[in-house]
Amino acid sequence: MTGVSGGQFSRERPRNTQHDREDILHALRTRFGLRGMIFLHLESSQPPGQGMMLAHTYDSVLDDRLRKRCVPLLGKLVRHGRQCVSPMRLSQCDVAWEMMKRLELSPAAGLLFPLHGPQGCFAIALALHPDEAHLAEIMPTLHCHVVRLFEHFMQQATRHQAGIRQSEELSGRELECLYWCACGKSYWETAIILGISERTVNHHMTMARKKLGVQSNAQAVALASLAGLFLDYVCVADLADAGMA
């Protein structure tokens, strides 16, 4: 995938993920009659301006312009976006307005959507269109779609991350212990529920953290939740209760 990392463009993510993201952006642009869309995703482990992934509905000329003219502005845009919680017009954000000018995207008008995820995950979506009245009309619905897009790719990235880190999948018992931890149960309570010892619960939780490549139970729960592992567990448990598993 084309991105910006430390001021340089890189291709760190699989091309199918890049195409998937851009296909969705093109679909949103068509549906809402926009001139274009730009999506910037910042890796949570990277400081502003680094590890930033880019997707857009323009041709490759935009990549060249961004590399030559706007890399310093990206970090400023992210820092500005992190302080915002709601959509705004580009004219209200001097950094975004300046970046549109340098990219020669005319007209430089549109909406900026700051997107906040768990553990510092962050993205910005830009929807460009010259008609402010049209933008105001579509903003609520478009905002919902942009949020869903962000959640979709966070989940994809998490599944990919979990797949890389796990040398083997979580065992049924490890997933059970992790599920009850997510429900707020202590090791002692989980042991009572599952009919095993508290020491055994501790062992399963340790193995789950190791397989997921995290240090804390909170991180393990967050990663498993975003990866949809609990959905698999709940479905299997429901089938077992119904005598269908």
C-alpha atoms as a PDB file:
ATOM      1  CA  MET A   1       0.000   0.000   0.000  1.00  0.00           C
ATOM      2  CA  THR A   2       1.160   3.465  -0.723  1.00  0.00           C
ATOM      3  CA  GLY A   3       1.839   5.392   2.445  1.00  0.00           C
ATOM      4  CA  VAL A   4       4.102   7.871   4.167  1.00  0.00           C
ATOM      5  CA  SER A   5       6.562   6.619   6.765  1.00  0.00           C
ATOM      6  CA  GLY A   6       9.195   8.907   8.196  1.00  0.00           C
ATOM      7  CA  GLY A   7       8.753  11.250   5.248  1.00  0.00           C
ATOM      8  CA  GLN A   8       9.104   8.424   2.707  1.00  0.00           C
ATOM      9  CA  PHE A   9       6.492   6.484   0.792  1.00  0.00           C
ATOM     10  CA  SER A  10       6.293   2.784   1.528  1.00  0.00           C
ATOM     11  CA  ARG A  11       4.289  -0.277   0.591  1.00  0.00           C
ATOM     12  CA  GLU A  12       3.806  -2.092   3.853  1.00  0.00           C
ATOM     13  CA  ARG A  13       0.243  -3.366   3.590  1.00  0.00           C
ATOM     14  CA  PRO A  14      -1.021  -5.952   1.092  1.00  0.00           C
ATOM     15  CA  ARG A  15      -2.230  -4.527  -2.204  1.00  0.00           C
ATOM     16  CA  ASN A  16      -5.659  -6.153  -1.805  1.00  0.00           C
ATOM     17  CA  THR A  17      -6.240  -4.089   1.347  1.00  0.00           C
ATOM     18  CA  GLN A  18      -5.267  -0.939  -0.532  1.00  0.00           C
ATOM     19  CA  HIS A  19      -7.601  -1.759  -3.395  1.00  0.00           C
ATOM     20  CA  ASP A  20     -10.411  -2.622  -0.993  1.00  0.00           C
ATOM     21  CA  ARG A  21     -10.098   0.714   0.749  1.00  0.00           C
ATOM     22  CA  GLU A  22      -9.957   2.711  -2.467  1.00  0.00           C
ATOM     23  CA  ASP A  23     -12.902   0.793  -3.964  1.00  0.00           C
ATOM     24  CA  ILE A  24     -15.018   1.785  -0.943  1.00  0.00           C
ATOM     25  CA  LEU A  25     -13.883   5.406  -1.240  1.00  0.00           C
ATOM     26  CA  HIS A  26     -14.834   5.424  -4.924  1.00  0.00           C
ATOM     27  CA  ALA A  27     -18.242   3.980  -4.041  1.00  0.00           C
ATOM     28  CA  LEU A  28     -18.827   6.664  -1.400  1.00  0.00           C
ATOM     29  CA  ARG A  29     -17.703   9.405  -3.778  1.00  0.00           C
ATOM     30  CA  THR A  30     -20.181   8.199  -6.414  1.00  0.00           C
ATOM     31  CA  ARG A  31     -23.048   7.713  -3.979  1.00  0.00           C
ATOM     32  CA  PHE A  32     -22.742  11.185  -2.464  1.00  0.00           C
ATOM     33  CA  GLY A  33     -21.776  13.009  -5.648  1.00  0.00           C
ATOM     34  CA  LEU A  34     -18.390  14.130  -4.323  1.00  0.00           C
ATOM     35  CA  ARG A  35     -15.438  15.437  -6.328  1.00  0.00           C
ATOM     36  CA  GLY A  36     -13.066  13.221  -4.369  1.00  0.00           C
ATOM     37  CA  MET A  37     -12.153  11.553  -1.084  1.00  0.00           C
ATOM     38  CA  ILE A  38      -8.886  11.150   0.816  1.00  0.00           C
ATOM     39  CA  PHE A  39      -8.333   8.783   3.744  1.00  0.00           C
ATOM     40  CA  LEU A  40      -5.291   9.055   6.051  1.00  0.00           C
ATOM     41  CA  HIS A  41      -4.744   6.345   8.641  1.00  0.00           C
ATOM     42  CA  LEU A  42      -2.127   6.745  11.367  1.00  0.00           C
ATOM     43  CA  GLU A  43      -0.623   3.629  12.898  1.00  0.00           C
ATOM     44  CA  SER A  44      -1.170   3.779  16.672  1.00  0.00           C
ATOM     45  CA  SER A  45       2.447   2.817  17.387  1.00  0.00           C
ATOM     46  CA  GLN A  46       3.843   5.673  15.305  1.00  0.00           C
ATOM     47  CA  PRO A  47       4.162   9.390  16.137  1.00  0.00           C
ATOM     48  CA  PRO A  48       2.205  11.951  14.069  1.00  0.00           C
ATOM     49  CA  GLY A  49       3.536  12.261  10.528  1.00  0.00           C
ATOM     50  CA  GLN A  50       5.029   8.750  10.492  1.00  0.00           C
ATOM     51  CA  GLY A  51       3.537   5.371   9.694  1.00  0.00           C
ATOM     52  CA  MET A  52       0.688   7.102   7.873  1.00  0.00           C
ATOM     53  CA  MET A  53      -1.238   5.168   5.256  1.00  0.00           C
ATOM     54  CA  LEU A  54      -2.936   6.943   2.366  1.00  0.00           C
ATOM     55  CA  ALA A  55      -5.883   6.014   0.155  1.00  0.00           C
ATOM     56  CA  HIS A  56      -7.742   8.334  -2.227  1.00  0.00           C
ATOM     57  CA  THR A  57      -9.949   8.534  -5.307  1.00  0.00           C
ATOM     58  CA  TYR A  58      -7.433  10.447  -7.434  1.00  0.00           C
ATOM     59  CA  ASP A  59      -4.735   9.203  -9.802  1.00  0.00           C
ATOM     60  CA  SER A  60      -1.075   8.612  -8.933  1.00  0.00           C
ATOM     61  CA  VAL A  61      -0.252  12.289  -9.576  1.00  0.00           C
ATOM     62  CA  LEU A  62      -1.662  13.016  -6.124  1.00  0.00           C
ATOM     63  CA  ASP A  63       0.941  10.715  -4.549  1.00  0.00           C
ATOM     64  CA  ASP A  64       3.764  12.643  -6.206  1.00  0.00           C
ATOM     65  CA  ARG A  65       2.360  15.996  -5.146  1.00  0.00           C
ATOM     66  CA  LEU A  66       1.894  14.771  -1.589  1.00  0.00           C
ATOM     67  CA  ARG A  67       5.454  13.491  -1.380  1.00  0.00           C
ATOM     68  CA  LYS A  68       6.954  16.671  -2.804  1.00  0.00           C
ATOM     69  CA  ARG A  69       4.798  19.324  -1.167  1.00  0.00           C
ATOM     70  CA  CYS A  70       2.813  18.126   1.823  1.00  0.00           C
ATOM     71  CA  VAL A  71       4.707  15.650   4.017  1.00  0.00           C
ATOM     72  CA  PRO A  72       5.327  18.215   6.804  1.00  0.00           C
ATOM     73  CA  LEU A  73       1.651  19.197   6.709  1.00  0.00           C
ATOM     74  CA  LEU A  74       0.492  15.634   7.327  1.00  0.00           C
ATOM     75  CA  GLY A  75       1.822  15.582  10.871  1.00  0.00           C
ATOM     76  CA  LYS A  76       0.238  18.971  11.556  1.00  0.00           C
ATOM     77  CA  LEU A  77      -3.073  17.767  10.145  1.00  0.00           C
ATOM     78  CA  VAL A  78      -3.049  14.701  12.371  1.00  0.00           C
ATOM     79  CA  ARG A  79      -2.181  16.733  15.455  1.00  0.00           C
ATOM     80  CA  HIS A  80      -5.018  19.099  14.651  1.00  0.00           C
ATOM     81  CA  GLY A  81      -7.451  16.248  14.004  1.00  0.00           C
ATOM     82  CA  ARG A  82      -6.640  14.516  17.293  1.00  0.00           C
ATOM     83  CA  GLN A  83      -7.997  17.567  19.115  1.00  0.00           C
ATOM     84  CA  CYS A  84     -11.318  17.424  17.250  1.00  0.00           C
ATOM     85  CA  VAL A  85     -14.268  15.155  17.952  1.00  0.00           C
ATOM     86  CA  SER A  86     -16.743  16.174  15.267  1.00  0.00           C
ATOM     87  CA  PRO A  87     -16.714  16.846  11.508  1.00  0.00           C
ATOM     88  CA  MET A  88     -15.774  20.319  10.293  1.00  0.00           C
ATOM     89  CA  ARG A  89     -15.504  22.271   7.072  1.00  0.00           C
ATOM     90  CA  LEU A  90     -12.044  22.383   5.526  1.00  0.00           C
ATOM     91  CA  SER A  91     -12.226  26.169   5.622  1.00  0.00           C
ATOM     92  CA  GLN A  92     -12.200  25.889   9.434  1.00  0.00           C
ATOM     93  CA  CYS A  93      -8.877  24.025   9.379  1.00  0.00           C
ATOM     94  CA  ASP A  94      -5.972  26.098   8.090  1.00  0.00           C
ATOM     95  CA  VAL A  95      -3.693  23.066   7.757  1.00  0.00           C
ATOM     96  CA  ALA A  96      -6.168  21.090   5.655  1.00  0.00           C
ATOM     97  CA  TRP A  97      -6.921  24.174   3.551  1.00  0.00           C
ATOM     98  CA  GLU A  98      -3.217  24.698   2.874  1.00  0.00           C
ATOM     99  CA  MET A  99      -2.728  21.037   1.977  1.00  0.00           C
ATOM    100  CA  MET A 100      -5.586  21.159  -0.538  1.00  0.00           C
ATOM    101  CA  LYS A 101      -3.960  24.169  -2.184  1.00  0.00           C
ATOM    102  CA  ARG A 102      -0.554  22.484  -2.397  1.00  0.00           C
ATOM    103  CA  LEU A 103      -2.127  19.353  -3.858  1.00  0.00           C
ATOM    104  CA  GLU A 104      -3.828  21.572  -6.452  1.00  0.00           C
ATOM    105  CA  LEU A 105      -7.191  20.018  -5.672  1.00  0.00           C
ATOM    106  CA  SER A 106      -9.719  22.506  -6.958  1.00  0.00           C
ATOM    107  CA  PRO A 107     -12.051  23.511  -5.526  1.00  0.00           C
ATOM    108  CA  ALA A 108     -10.400  23.304  -2.119  1.00  0.00           C
ATOM    109  CA  ALA A 109     -13.648  22.901  -0.209  1.00  0.00           C
ATOM    110  CA  GLY A 110     -15.097  19.990   1.692  1.00  0.00           C
ATOM    111  CA  LEU A 111     -15.443  18.228   5.026  1.00  0.00           C
ATOM    112  CA  LEU A 112     -12.882  16.839   7.440  1.00  0.00           C
ATOM    113  CA  PHE A 113     -13.828  13.819   9.575  1.00  0.00           C
ATOM    114  CA  PRO A 114     -11.546  13.021  12.563  1.00  0.00           C
ATOM    115  CA  LEU A 115     -11.815   9.314  13.450  1.00  0.00           C
ATOM    116  CA  HIS A 116     -10.705   8.078  16.853  1.00  0.00           C
ATOM    117  CA  GLY A 117     -10.166   4.383  17.573  1.00  0.00           C
ATOM    118  CA  PRO A 118      -8.921   2.332  20.553  1.00  0.00           C
ATOM    119  CA  GLN A 119      -5.327   2.458  21.790  1.00  0.00           C
ATOM    120  CA  GLY A 120      -4.497   5.668  19.944  1.00  0.00           C
ATOM    121  CA  CYS A 121      -5.620   4.457  16.529  1.00  0.00           C
ATOM    122  CA  PHE A 122      -6.576   7.477  14.451  1.00  0.00           C
ATOM    123  CA  ALA A 123      -7.570   8.458  10.925  1.00  0.00           C
ATOM    124  CA  ILE A 124      -8.779  11.467   8.972  1.00  0.00           C
ATOM    125  CA  ALA A 125     -11.175  11.361   6.039  1.00  0.00           C
ATOM    126  CA  LEU A 126     -11.574  14.281   3.641  1.00  0.00           C
ATOM    127  CA  ALA A 127     -14.665  14.629   1.452  1.00  0.00           C
ATOM    128  CA  LEU A 128     -14.234  17.274  -1.283  1.00  0.00           C
ATOM    129  CA  HIS A 129     -17.029  19.119  -3.051  1.00  0.00           C
ATOM    130  CA  PRO A 130     -17.507  22.789  -4.068  1.00  0.00           C
ATOM    131  CA  ASP A 131     -21.109  23.126  -2.846  1.00  0.00           C
ATOM    132  CA  GLU A 132     -21.233  23.870   0.889  1.00  0.00           C
ATOM    133  CA  ALA A 133     -25.013  23.371   0.969  1.00  0.00           C
ATOM    134  CA  HIS A 134     -24.651  19.901  -0.529  1.00  0.00           C
ATOM    135  CA  LEU A 135     -21.948  19.032   2.007  1.00  0.00           C
ATOM    136  CA  ALA A 136     -24.122  20.191   4.895  1.00  0.00           C
ATOM    137  CA  GLU A 137     -26.988  18.033   3.643  1.00  0.00           C
ATOM    138  CA  ILE A 138     -24.998  14.827   3.276  1.00  0.00           C
ATOM    139  CA  MET A 139     -22.700  15.272   6.292  1.00  0.00           C
ATOM    140  CA  PRO A 140     -24.645  13.167   8.875  1.00  0.00           C
ATOM    141  CA  THR A 141     -25.085  10.181   6.564  1.00  0.00           C
ATOM    142  CA  LEU A 142     -21.586  10.418   5.108  1.00  0.00           C
ATOM    143  CA  HIS A 143     -20.146  10.642   8.626  1.00  0.00           C
ATOM    144  CA  CYS A 144     -21.797   7.328   9.542  1.00  0.00           C
ATOM    145  CA  HIS A 145     -20.330   5.663   6.446  1.00  0.00           C
ATOM    146  CA  VAL A 146     -16.856   7.052   7.112  1.00  0.00           C
ATOM    147  CA  VAL A 147     -16.948   5.779  10.704  1.00  0.00           C
ATOM    148  CA  ARG A 148     -17.973   2.332   9.456  1.00  0.00           C
ATOM    149  CA  LEU A 149     -15.126   2.440   6.927  1.00  0.00           C
ATOM    150  CA  PHE A 150     -12.667   3.234   9.729  1.00  0.00           C
ATOM    151  CA  GLU A 151     -14.018   0.421  11.918  1.00  0.00           C
ATOM    152  CA  HIS A 152     -13.893  -1.999   8.991  1.00  0.00           C
ATOM    153  CA  PHE A 153     -10.218  -1.392   8.302  1.00  0.00           C
ATOM    154  CA  MET A 154      -9.284  -1.377  11.981  1.00  0.00           C
ATOM    155  CA  GLN A 155     -10.837  -4.824  12.215  1.00  0.00           C
ATOM    156  CA  GLN A 156      -9.017  -5.977   9.086  1.00  0.00           C
ATOM    157  CA  ALA A 157      -5.705  -4.714  10.444  1.00  0.00           C
ATOM    158  CA  THR A 158      -6.347  -6.373  13.801  1.00  0.00           C
ATOM    159  CA  ARG A 159      -7.198  -9.700  12.213  1.00  0.00           C
ATOM    160  CA  HIS A 160      -4.026  -9.455  10.126  1.00  0.00           C
ATOM    161  CA  GLN A 161      -1.983  -8.550  13.203  1.00  0.00           C
ATOM    162  CA  ALA A 162      -3.463 -11.400  15.235  1.00  0.00           C
ATOM    163  CA  GLY A 163      -2.837 -13.824  12.368  1.00  0.00           C
ATOM    164  CA  ILE A 164       0.831 -12.838  12.214  1.00  0.00           C
ATOM    165  CA  ARG A 165       1.410 -13.002  15.960  1.00  0.00           C
ATOM    166  CA  GLN A 166      -0.371 -16.255  16.663  1.00  0.00           C
ATOM    167  CA  SER A 167       1.758 -19.325  16.011  1.00  0.00           C
ATOM    168  CA  GLU A 168      -1.443 -21.263  16.697  1.00  0.00           C
ATOM    169  CA  GLU A 169      -5.020 -20.287  17.357  1.00  0.00           C
ATOM    170  CA  LEU A 170      -6.356 -19.805  20.849  1.00  0.00           C
ATOM    171  CA  SER A 171      -7.601 -23.009  22.410  1.00  0.00           C
ATOM    172  CA  GLY A 172     -11.234 -23.279  23.405  1.00  0.00           C
ATOM    173  CA  ARG A 173     -10.375 -22.948  27.089  1.00  0.00           C
ATOM    174  CA  GLU A 174      -8.106 -19.945  26.480  1.00  0.00           C
ATOM    175  CA  LEU A 175     -10.885 -18.213  24.582  1.00  0.00           C
ATOM    176  CA  GLU A 176     -13.363 -19.045  27.348  1.00  0.00           C
ATOM    177  CA  CYS A 177     -11.120 -17.522  30.011  1.00  0.00           C
ATOM    178  CA  LEU A 178     -10.516 -14.457  27.842  1.00  0.00           C
ATOM    179  CA  TYR A 179     -14.256 -14.083  27.245  1.00  0.00           C
ATOM    180  CA  TRP A 180     -15.085 -14.091  30.965  1.00  0.00           C
ATOM    181  CA  CYS A 181     -12.246 -11.639  31.569  1.00  0.00           C
ATOM    182  CA  ALA A 182     -13.883  -9.379  28.987  1.00  0.00           C
ATOM    183  CA  CYS A 183     -17.122  -9.729  30.983  1.00  0.00           C
ATOM    184  CA  GLY A 184     -15.329  -8.317  34.031  1.00  0.00           C
ATOM    185  CA  LYS A 185     -14.897 -11.579  35.925  1.00  0.00           C
ATOM    186  CA  SER A 186     -11.894 -12.169  38.163  1.00  0.00           C
ATOM    187  CA  TYR A 187      -9.728 -15.272  37.844  1.00  0.00           C
ATOM    188  CA  TRP A 188     -11.511 -16.737  40.878  1.00  0.00           C
ATOM    189  CA  GLU A 189     -14.964 -16.076  39.399  1.00  0.00           C
ATOM    190  CA  THR A 190     -13.906 -17.494  36.035  1.00  0.00           C
ATOM    191  CA  ALA A 191     -12.597 -20.610  37.782  1.00  0.00           C
ATOM    192  CA  ILE A 192     -15.973 -21.125  39.480  1.00  0.00           C
ATOM    193  CA  ILE A 193     -17.886 -20.593  36.239  1.00  0.00           C
ATOM    194  CA  LEU A 194     -15.716 -23.013  34.237  1.00  0.00           C
ATOM    195  CA  GLY A 195     -15.210 -25.543  37.036  1.00  0.00           C
ATOM    196  CA  ILE A 196     -11.421 -25.333  36.973  1.00  0.00           C
ATOM    197  CA  SER A 197      -8.791 -24.021  39.373  1.00  0.00           C
ATOM    198  CA  GLU A 198      -7.796 -20.373  39.604  1.00  0.00           C
ATOM    199  CA  ARG A 199      -4.225 -21.412  38.798  1.00  0.00           C
ATOM    200  CA  THR A 200      -5.436 -23.026  35.580  1.00  0.00           C
ATOM    201  CA  VAL A 201      -7.286 -19.840  34.615  1.00  0.00           C
ATOM    202  CA  ASN A 202      -4.085 -17.886  35.156  1.00  0.00           C
ATOM    203  CA  HIS A 203      -2.213 -20.330  32.913  1.00  0.00           C
ATOM    204  CA  HIS A 204      -4.782 -20.023  30.115  1.00  0.00           C
ATOM    205  CA  MET A 205      -4.735 -16.237  30.308  1.00  0.00           C
ATOM    206  CA  THR A 206      -0.937 -16.225  30.154  1.00  0.00           C
ATOM    207  CA  MET A 207      -1.009 -18.411  27.051  1.00  0.00           C
ATOM    208  CA  ALA A 208      -3.691 -16.228  25.439  1.00  0.00           C
ATOM    209  CA  ARG A 209      -1.604 -13.088  25.986  1.00  0.00           C
ATOM    210  CA  LYS A 210       1.457 -14.832  24.575  1.00  0.00           C
ATOM    211  CA  LYS A 211      -0.357 -16.016  21.441  1.00  0.00           C
ATOM    212  CA  LEU A 212      -1.889 -12.595  20.854  1.00  0.00           C
ATOM    213  CA  GLY A 213       1.481 -10.923  21.360  1.00  0.00           C
ATOM    214  CA  VAL A 214       0.350  -8.521  24.099  1.00  0.00           C
ATOM    215  CA  GLN A 215       1.402  -7.746  27.664  1.00  0.00           C
ATOM    216  CA  SER A 216      -1.854  -7.149  29.518  1.00  0.00           C
ATOM    217  CA  ASN A 217      -5.294  -8.699  29.798  1.00  0.00           C
ATOM    218  CA  ALA A 218      -6.847  -5.423  28.653  1.00  0.00           C
ATOM    219  CA  GLN A 219      -4.808  -5.516  25.439  1.00  0.00           C
ATOM    220  CA  ALA A 220      -5.727  -9.166  24.891  1.00  0.00           C
ATOM    221  CA  VAL A 221      -9.429  -8.432  25.351  1.00  0.00           C
ATOM    222  CA  ALA A 222      -9.285  -5.442  22.982  1.00  0.00           C
ATOM    223  CA  LEU A 223      -7.423  -7.382  20.295  1.00  0.00           C
ATOM    224  CA  ALA A 224      -9.720 -10.431  20.550  1.00  0.00           C
ATOM    225  CA  SER A 225     -12.788  -8.202  20.437  1.00  0.00           C
ATOM    226  CA  LEU A 226     -11.680  -6.275  17.351  1.00  0.00           C
ATOM    227  CA  ALA A 227     -10.661  -9.530  15.657  1.00  0.00           C
ATOM    228  CA  GLY A 228     -14.146 -10.949  16.242  1.00  0.00           C
ATOM    229  CA  LEU A 229     -12.921 -13.908  18.310  1.00  0.00           C
ATOM    230  CA  PHE A 230     -15.646 -13.503  20.927  1.00  0.00           C
ATOM    231  CA  LEU A 231     -18.310 -13.681  18.240  1.00  0.00           C
ATOM    232  CA  ASP A 232     -17.008 -17.116  17.265  1.00  0.00           C
ATOM    233  CA  TYR A 233     -17.025 -18.222  20.919  1.00  0.00           C
ATOM    234  CA  VAL A 234     -20.550 -16.970  21.599  1.00  0.00           C
ATOM    235  CA  CYS A 235     -21.919 -18.618  18.448  1.00  0.00           C
ATOM    236  CA  VAL A 236     -20.359 -21.960  19.343  1.00  0.00           C
ATOM    237  CA  ALA A 237     -21.627 -21.686  22.932  1.00  0.00           C
ATOM    238  CA  ASP A 238     -25.154 -20.912  21.712  1.00  0.00           C
ATOM    239  CA  LEU A 239     -25.122 -23.929  19.408  1.00  0.00           C
ATOM    240  CA  ALA A 240     -23.886 -26.148  22.238  1.00  0.00           C
ATOM    241  CA  ASP A 241     -26.691 -24.934  24.519  1.00  0.00           C
ATOM    242  CA  ALA A 242     -29.162 -25.721  21.775  1.00  0.00           C
ATOM    243  CA  GLY A 243     -27.702 -29.203  21.331  1.00  0.00           C
ATOM    244  CA  MET A 244     -26.548 -28.446  17.783  1.00  0.00           C
ATOM    245  CA  ALA A 245     -22.784 -28.275  18.242  1.00  0.00           C
END
